[in-house]
């Protein structure tokens, strides 16, 4: 397998992992908020702020990976 195919396969793995980590952390945050509503009531920011932050980071990482994949073509 040449190096371009390996890089593309690695980028596909990276993007899939990023999506999986985002979904897992989002589900955990929702579960934890339901289990401990008092903890999130003390925060000044809404409970879903960390989910939004993770979504932005995930989108940026996937966007960079797509740009790299496009450049390899």
PDB file of N, CA and C in Angstrom:
ATOM      1  N   UNK A   1       0.856  -1.170   0.000  1.00  0.00           N
ATOM      2  CA  UNK A   1       0.000   0.000   0.000  1.00  0.00           C
ATOM      3  C   UNK A   1       0.902   1.233   0.000  1.00  0.00           C
ATOM      4  N   UNK A   2       0.607   2.190  -0.872  1.00  0.00           N
ATOM      5  CA  UNK A   2       1.473   3.370  -0.922  1.00  0.00           C
ATOM      6  C   UNK A   2       1.147   4.326   0.228  1.00  0.00           C
ATOM      7  N   UNK A   3       1.967   5.320   0.377  1.00  0.00           N
ATOM      8  CA  UNK A   3       1.862   6.199   1.538  1.00  0.00           C
ATOM      9  C   UNK A   3       0.602   7.051   1.501  1.00  0.00           C
ATOM     10  N   UNK A   4       0.098   7.411   0.323  1.00  0.00           N
ATOM     11  CA  UNK A   4      -1.124   8.215   0.254  1.00  0.00           C
ATOM     12  C   UNK A   4      -2.332   7.434   0.763  1.00  0.00           C
ATOM     13  N   UNK A   5      -2.398   6.165   0.420  1.00  0.00           N
ATOM     14  CA  UNK A   5      -3.500   5.340   0.908  1.00  0.00           C
ATOM     15  C   UNK A   5      -3.422   5.165   2.418  1.00  0.00           C
ATOM     16  N   UNK A   6      -2.218   5.026   2.924  1.00  0.00           N
ATOM     17  CA  UNK A   6      -2.049   4.895   4.377  1.00  0.00           C
ATOM     18  C   UNK A   6      -2.454   6.170   5.099  1.00  0.00           C
ATOM     19  N   UNK A   7      -2.079   7.304   4.547  1.00  0.00           N
ATOM     20  CA  UNK A   7      -2.452   8.575   5.169  1.00  0.00           C
ATOM     21  C   UNK A   7      -3.962   8.751   5.125  1.00  0.00           C
ATOM     22  N   UNK A   8      -4.585   8.430   3.984  1.00  0.00           N
ATOM     23  CA  UNK A   8      -6.045   8.541   3.878  1.00  0.00           C
ATOM     24  C   UNK A   8      -6.745   7.603   4.855  1.00  0.00           C
ATOM     25  N   UNK A   9      -6.234   6.382   4.989  1.00  0.00           N
ATOM     26  CA  UNK A   9      -6.814   5.434   5.940  1.00  0.00           C
ATOM     27  C   UNK A   9      -6.656   5.941   7.376  1.00  0.00           C
ATOM     28  N   UNK A  10      -5.508   6.502   7.675  1.00  0.00           N
ATOM     29  CA  UNK A  10      -5.289   7.074   9.009  1.00  0.00           C
ATOM     30  C   UNK A  10      -6.201   8.255   9.276  1.00  0.00           C
ATOM     31  N   UNK A  11      -6.422   9.087   8.266  1.00  0.00           N
ATOM     32  CA  UNK A  11      -7.321  10.225   8.429  1.00  0.00           C
ATOM     33  C   UNK A  11      -8.761   9.767   8.608  1.00  0.00           C
ATOM     34  N   UNK A  12      -9.160   8.724   7.883  1.00  0.00           N
ATOM     35  CA  UNK A  12     -10.504   8.170   8.073  1.00  0.00           C
ATOM     36  C   UNK A  12     -10.680   7.640   9.491  1.00  0.00           C
ATOM     37  N   UNK A  13      -9.652   6.958   9.992  1.00  0.00           N
ATOM     38  CA  UNK A  13      -9.679   6.454  11.358  1.00  0.00           C
ATOM     39  C   UNK A  13      -9.745   7.605  12.355  1.00  0.00           C
ATOM     40  N   UNK A  14      -8.968   8.642  12.122  1.00  0.00           N
ATOM     41  CA  UNK A  14      -8.969   9.815  12.992  1.00  0.00           C
ATOM     42  C   UNK A  14     -10.341  10.480  13.021  1.00  0.00           C
ATOM     43  N   UNK A  15     -10.962  10.645  11.843  1.00  0.00           N
ATOM     44  CA  UNK A  15     -12.273  11.296  11.794  1.00  0.00           C
ATOM     45  C   UNK A  15     -13.339  10.450  12.486  1.00  0.00           C
ATOM     46  N   UNK A  16     -13.288   9.155  12.281  1.00  0.00           N
ATOM     47  CA  UNK A  16     -14.242   8.280  12.959  1.00  0.00           C
ATOM     48  C   UNK A  16     -14.067   8.301  14.469  1.00  0.00           C
ATOM     49  N   UNK A  17     -12.826   8.343  14.900  1.00  0.00           N
ATOM     50  CA  UNK A  17     -12.546   8.413  16.329  1.00  0.00           C
ATOM     51  C   UNK A  17     -13.034   9.720  16.923  1.00  0.00           C
ATOM     52  N   UNK A  18     -12.828  10.816  16.201  1.00  0.00           N
ATOM     53  CA  UNK A  18     -13.296  12.114  16.694  1.00  0.00           C
ATOM     54  C   UNK A  18     -14.818  12.134  16.860  1.00  0.00           C
ATOM     55  N   UNK A  19     -15.521  11.587  15.897  1.00  0.00           N
ATOM     56  CA  UNK A  19     -16.984  11.533  15.988  1.00  0.00           C
ATOM     57  C   UNK A  19     -17.406  10.652  17.157  1.00  0.00           C
ATOM     58  N   UNK A  20     -16.755   9.516  17.338  1.00  0.00           N
ATOM     59  CA  UNK A  20     -17.076   8.621  18.440  1.00  0.00           C
ATOM     60  C   UNK A  20     -16.828   9.244  19.802  1.00  0.00           C
ATOM     61  N   UNK A  21     -15.717   9.932  19.934  1.00  0.00           N
ATOM     62  CA  UNK A  21     -15.407  10.600  21.206  1.00  0.00           C
ATOM     63  C   UNK A  21     -16.410  11.706  21.472  1.00  0.00           C
ATOM     64  N   UNK A  22     -16.776  12.455  20.429  1.00  0.00           N
ATOM     65  CA  UNK A  22     -17.767  13.519  20.605  1.00  0.00           C
ATOM     66  C   UNK A  22     -19.110  12.943  21.058  1.00  0.00           C
ATOM     67  N   UNK A  23     -19.569  11.897  20.395  1.00  0.00           N
ATOM     68  CA  UNK A  23     -20.853  11.303  20.776  1.00  0.00           C
ATOM     69  C   UNK A  23     -20.806  10.729  22.191  1.00  0.00           C
ATOM     70  N   UNK A  24     -19.717  10.057  22.522  1.00  0.00           N
ATOM     71  CA  UNK A  24     -19.587   9.488  23.860  1.00  0.00           C
ATOM     72  C   UNK A  24     -19.562  10.543  24.950  1.00  0.00           C
ATOM     73  N   UNK A  25     -18.798  11.602  24.743  1.00  0.00           N
ATOM     74  CA  UNK A  25     -18.729  12.642  25.769  1.00  0.00           C
ATOM     75  C   UNK A  25     -20.050  13.409  25.868  1.00  0.00           C
ATOM     76  N   UNK A  26     -20.730  13.578  24.744  1.00  0.00           N
ATOM     77  CA  UNK A  26     -22.024  14.261  24.775  1.00  0.00           C
ATOM     78  C   UNK A  26     -23.067  13.436  25.527  1.00  0.00           C
ATOM     79  N   UNK A  27     -23.107  12.140  25.245  1.00  0.00           N
ATOM     80  CA  UNK A  27     -24.044  11.271  25.957  1.00  0.00           C
ATOM     81  C   UNK A  27     -23.733  11.222  27.457  1.00  0.00           C
ATOM     82  N   UNK A  28     -22.452  11.187  27.788  1.00  0.00           N
ATOM     83  CA  UNK A  28     -22.080  11.179  29.196  1.00  0.00           C
ATOM     84  C   UNK A  28     -22.492  12.488  29.882  1.00  0.00           C
ATOM     85  N   UNK A  29     -22.305  13.601  29.210  1.00  0.00           N
ATOM     86  CA  UNK A  29     -22.695  14.888  29.791  1.00  0.00           C
ATOM     87  C   UNK A  29     -24.200  14.939  30.023  1.00  0.00           C
ATOM     88  N   UNK A  30     -24.978  14.456  29.055  1.00  0.00           N
ATOM     89  CA  UNK A  30     -26.439  14.428  29.226  1.00  0.00           C
ATOM     90  C   UNK A  30     -26.831  13.510  30.379  1.00  0.00           C
ATOM     91  N   UNK A  31     -26.186  12.347  30.467  1.00  0.00           N
ATOM     92  CA  UNK A  31     -26.491  11.415  31.550  1.00  0.00           C
ATOM     93  C   UNK A  31     -26.116  12.007  32.905  1.00  0.00           C
ATOM     94  N   UNK A  32     -24.956  12.641  32.974  1.00  0.00           N
ATOM     95  CA  UNK A  32     -24.513  13.212  34.245  1.00  0.00           C
ATOM     96  C   UNK A  32     -25.405  14.358  34.685  1.00  0.00           C
ATOM     97  N   UNK A  33     -25.896  15.157  33.747  1.00  0.00           N
ATOM     98  CA  UNK A  33     -26.798  16.251  34.090  1.00  0.00           C
ATOM     99  C   UNK A  33     -28.113  15.709  34.641  1.00  0.00           C
ATOM    100  N   UNK A  34     -28.599  14.622  34.064  1.00  0.00           N
ATOM    101  CA  UNK A  34     -29.828  14.020  34.574  1.00  0.00           C
ATOM    102  C   UNK A  34     -29.613  13.399  35.950  1.00  0.00           C
ATOM    103  N   UNK A  35     -28.418  12.870  36.201  1.00  0.00           N
ATOM    104  CA  UNK A  35     -28.121  12.231  37.478  1.00  0.00           C
ATOM    105  C   UNK A  35     -27.834  13.245  38.580  1.00  0.00           C
ATOM    106  N   UNK A  36     -27.224  14.368  38.233  1.00  0.00           N
ATOM    107  CA  UNK A  36     -26.825  15.376  39.228  1.00  0.00           C
ATOM    108  C   UNK A  36     -27.255  16.783  38.788  1.00  0.00           C
ATOM    109  N   UNK A  37     -28.533  17.076  38.792  1.00  0.00           N
ATOM    110  CA  UNK A  37     -28.970  18.392  38.309  1.00  0.00           C
ATOM    111  C   UNK A  37     -28.506  19.547  39.203  1.00  0.00           C
ATOM    112  N   UNK A  38     -28.315  19.286  40.478  1.00  0.00           N
ATOM    113  CA  UNK A  38     -27.870  20.334  41.389  1.00  0.00           C
ATOM    114  C   UNK A  38     -26.459  20.823  41.068  1.00  0.00           C
ATOM    115  N   UNK A  39     -25.617  19.927  40.625  1.00  0.00           N
ATOM    116  CA  UNK A  39     -24.247  20.286  40.276  1.00  0.00           C
ATOM    117  C   UNK A  39     -24.230  21.260  39.108  1.00  0.00           C
ATOM    118  N   UNK A  40     -25.071  21.011  38.119  1.00  0.00           N
ATOM    119  CA  UNK A  40     -25.113  21.889  36.952  1.00  0.00           C
ATOM    120  C   UNK A  40     -25.895  23.166  37.222  1.00  0.00           C
ATOM    121  N   UNK A  41     -26.764  23.165  38.231  1.00  0.00           N
ATOM    122  CA  UNK A  41     -27.508  24.372  38.586  1.00  0.00           C
ATOM    123  C   UNK A  41     -26.583  25.427  39.188  1.00  0.00           C
ATOM    124  N   UNK A  42     -25.471  24.997  39.783  1.00  0.00           N
ATOM    125  CA  UNK A  42     -24.538  25.942  40.399  1.00  0.00           C
ATOM    126  C   UNK A  42     -23.668  26.653  39.371  1.00  0.00           C
ATOM    127  N   UNK A  43     -23.560  26.104  38.167  1.00  0.00           N
ATOM    128  CA  UNK A  43     -22.700  26.697  37.138  1.00  0.00           C
ATOM    129  C   UNK A  43     -23.348  27.938  36.547  1.00  0.00           C
ATOM    130  N   UNK A  44     -22.516  28.899  36.175  1.00  0.00           N
ATOM    131  CA  UNK A  44     -23.039  30.120  35.571  1.00  0.00           C
ATOM    132  C   UNK A  44     -23.354  29.920  34.087  1.00  0.00           C
ATOM    133  N   UNK A  45     -22.675  28.988  33.436  1.00  0.00           N
ATOM    134  CA  UNK A  45     -22.914  28.711  32.010  1.00  0.00           C
ATOM    135  C   UNK A  45     -23.969  27.604  31.885  1.00  0.00           C
ATOM    136  N   UNK A  46     -24.670  27.567  30.767  1.00  0.00           N
ATOM    137  CA  UNK A  46     -25.630  26.477  30.566  1.00  0.00           C
ATOM    138  C   UNK A  46     -24.933  25.117  30.560  1.00  0.00           C
ATOM    139  N   UNK A  47     -25.680  24.092  30.883  1.00  0.00           N
ATOM    140  CA  UNK A  47     -25.091  22.753  31.018  1.00  0.00           C
ATOM    141  C   UNK A  47     -24.547  22.228  29.696  1.00  0.00           C
ATOM    142  N   UNK A  48     -25.061  22.683  28.592  1.00  0.00           N
ATOM    143  CA  UNK A  48     -24.659  22.157  27.289  1.00  0.00           C
ATOM    144  C   UNK A  48     -23.481  22.917  26.671  1.00  0.00           C
ATOM    145  N   UNK A  49     -22.870  23.821  27.398  1.00  0.00           N
ATOM    146  CA  UNK A  49     -21.736  24.589  26.879  1.00  0.00           C
ATOM    147  C   UNK A  49     -20.566  23.685  26.517  1.00  0.00           C
ATOM    148  N   UNK A  50     -20.289  22.692  27.334  1.00  0.00           N
ATOM    149  CA  UNK A  50     -19.165  21.790  27.024  1.00  0.00           C
ATOM    150  C   UNK A  50     -19.457  20.972  25.766  1.00  0.00           C
ATOM    151  N   UNK A  51     -20.721  20.624  25.541  1.00  0.00           N
ATOM    152  CA  UNK A  51     -21.074  19.891  24.320  1.00  0.00           C
ATOM    153  C   UNK A  51     -20.838  20.774  23.098  1.00  0.00           C
ATOM    154  N   UNK A  52     -21.214  22.037  23.186  1.00  0.00           N
ATOM    155  CA  UNK A  52     -20.995  22.958  22.069  1.00  0.00           C
ATOM    156  C   UNK A  52     -19.505  23.154  21.798  1.00  0.00           C
ATOM    157  N   UNK A  53     -18.717  23.275  22.847  1.00  0.00           N
ATOM    158  CA  UNK A  53     -17.277  23.433  22.687  1.00  0.00           C
ATOM    159  C   UNK A  53     -16.666  22.200  22.024  1.00  0.00           C
ATOM    160  N   UNK A  54     -17.082  21.019  22.464  1.00  0.00           N
ATOM    161  CA  UNK A  54     -16.586  19.790  21.849  1.00  0.00           C
ATOM    162  C   UNK A  54     -17.030  19.677  20.390  1.00  0.00           C
ATOM    163  N   UNK A  55     -18.221  20.153  20.089  1.00  0.00           N
ATOM    164  CA  UNK A  55     -18.706  20.115  18.699  1.00  0.00           C
ATOM    165  C   UNK A  55     -17.841  20.998  17.803  1.00  0.00           C
ATOM    166  N   UNK A  56     -17.471  22.166  18.290  1.00  0.00           N
ATOM    167  CA  UNK A  56     -16.630  23.069  17.493  1.00  0.00           C
ATOM    168  C   UNK A  56     -15.249  22.456  17.275  1.00  0.00           C
ATOM    169  N   UNK A  57     -14.663  21.918  18.310  1.00  0.00           N
ATOM    170  CA  UNK A  57     -13.332  21.307  18.190  1.00  0.00           C
ATOM    171  C   UNK A  57     -13.385  20.111  17.239  1.00  0.00           C
ATOM    172  N   UNK A  58     -14.433  19.306  17.350  1.00  0.00           N
ATOM    173  CA  UNK A  58     -14.582  18.157  16.459  1.00  0.00           C
ATOM    174  C   UNK A  58     -14.741  18.602  15.011  1.00  0.00           C
ATOM    175  N   UNK A  59     -15.559  19.623  14.786  1.00  0.00           N
ATOM    176  CA  UNK A  59     -15.768  20.120  13.423  1.00  0.00           C
ATOM    177  C   UNK A  59     -14.483  20.670  12.825  1.00  0.00           C
ATOM    178  N   UNK A  60     -13.696  21.377  13.611  1.00  0.00           N
ATOM    179  CA  UNK A  60     -12.433  21.923  13.117  1.00  0.00           C
ATOM    180  C   UNK A  60     -11.455  20.796  12.784  1.00  0.00           C
ATOM    181  N   UNK A  61     -11.353  19.799  13.651  1.00  0.00           N
ATOM    182  CA  UNK A  61     -10.435  18.682  13.400  1.00  0.00           C
ATOM    183  C   UNK A  61     -10.853  17.894  12.165  1.00  0.00           C
ATOM    184  N   UNK A  62     -12.147  17.629  12.013  1.00  0.00           N
ATOM    185  CA  UNK A  62     -12.618  16.901  10.835  1.00  0.00           C
ATOM    186  C   UNK A  62     -12.427  17.749   9.585  1.00  0.00           C
ATOM    187  N   UNK A  63     -12.651  19.050   9.686  1.00  0.00           N
ATOM    188  CA  UNK A  63     -12.424  19.926   8.539  1.00  0.00           C
ATOM    189  C   UNK A  63     -10.977  19.921   8.094  1.00  0.00           C
ATOM    190  N   UNK A  64     -10.053  19.969   9.047  1.00  0.00           N
ATOM    191  CA  UNK A  64      -8.627  19.909   8.699  1.00  0.00           C
ATOM    192  C   UNK A  64      -8.267  18.573   8.064  1.00  0.00           C
ATOM    193  N   UNK A  65      -8.830  17.502   8.593  1.00  0.00           N
ATOM    194  CA  UNK A  65      -8.552  16.188   8.012  1.00  0.00           C
ATOM    195  C   UNK A  65      -9.091  16.101   6.584  1.00  0.00           C
ATOM    196  N   UNK A  66     -10.261  16.681   6.333  1.00  0.00           N
ATOM    197  CA  UNK A  66     -10.819  16.675   4.980  1.00  0.00           C
ATOM    198  C   UNK A  66      -9.976  17.507   4.019  1.00  0.00           C
ATOM    199  N   UNK A  67      -9.440  18.616   4.512  1.00  0.00           N
ATOM    200  CA  UNK A  67      -8.563  19.438   3.667  1.00  0.00           C
ATOM    201  C   UNK A  67      -7.304  18.663   3.312  1.00  0.00           C
ATOM    202  N   UNK A  68      -6.738  17.955   4.265  1.00  0.00           N
ATOM    203  CA  UNK A  68      -5.547  17.163   3.999  1.00  0.00           C
ATOM    204  C   UNK A  68      -5.858  16.042   3.014  1.00  0.00           C
ATOM    205  N   UNK A  69      -7.004  15.384   3.194  1.00  0.00           N
ATOM    206  CA  UNK A  69      -7.390  14.322   2.246  1.00  0.00           C
ATOM    207  C   UNK A  69      -7.581  14.881   0.845  1.00  0.00           C
ATOM    208  N   UNK A  70      -8.158  16.063   0.756  1.00  0.00           N
ATOM    209  CA  UNK A  70      -8.377  16.697  -0.545  1.00  0.00           C
ATOM    210  C   UNK A  70      -7.036  17.068  -1.195  1.00  0.00           C
ATOM    211  N   UNK A  71      -6.093  17.512  -0.391  1.00  0.00           N
ATOM    212  CA  UNK A  71      -4.777  17.891  -0.911  1.00  0.00           C
ATOM    213  C   UNK A  71      -3.992  16.676  -1.423  1.00  0.00           C
ATOM    214  N   UNK A  72      -4.282  15.499  -0.884  1.00  0.00           N
ATOM    215  CA  UNK A  72      -3.576  14.299  -1.321  1.00  0.00           C
ATOM    216  C   UNK A  72      -4.072  13.784  -2.659  1.00  0.00           C
ATOM    217  N   UNK A  73      -5.216  14.219  -3.092  1.00  0.00           N
ATOM    218  CA  UNK A  73      -5.734  13.785  -4.391  1.00  0.00           C
ATOM    219  C   UNK A  73      -4.953  14.434  -5.432  1.00  0.00           C
TER     220      UNK A  73
END
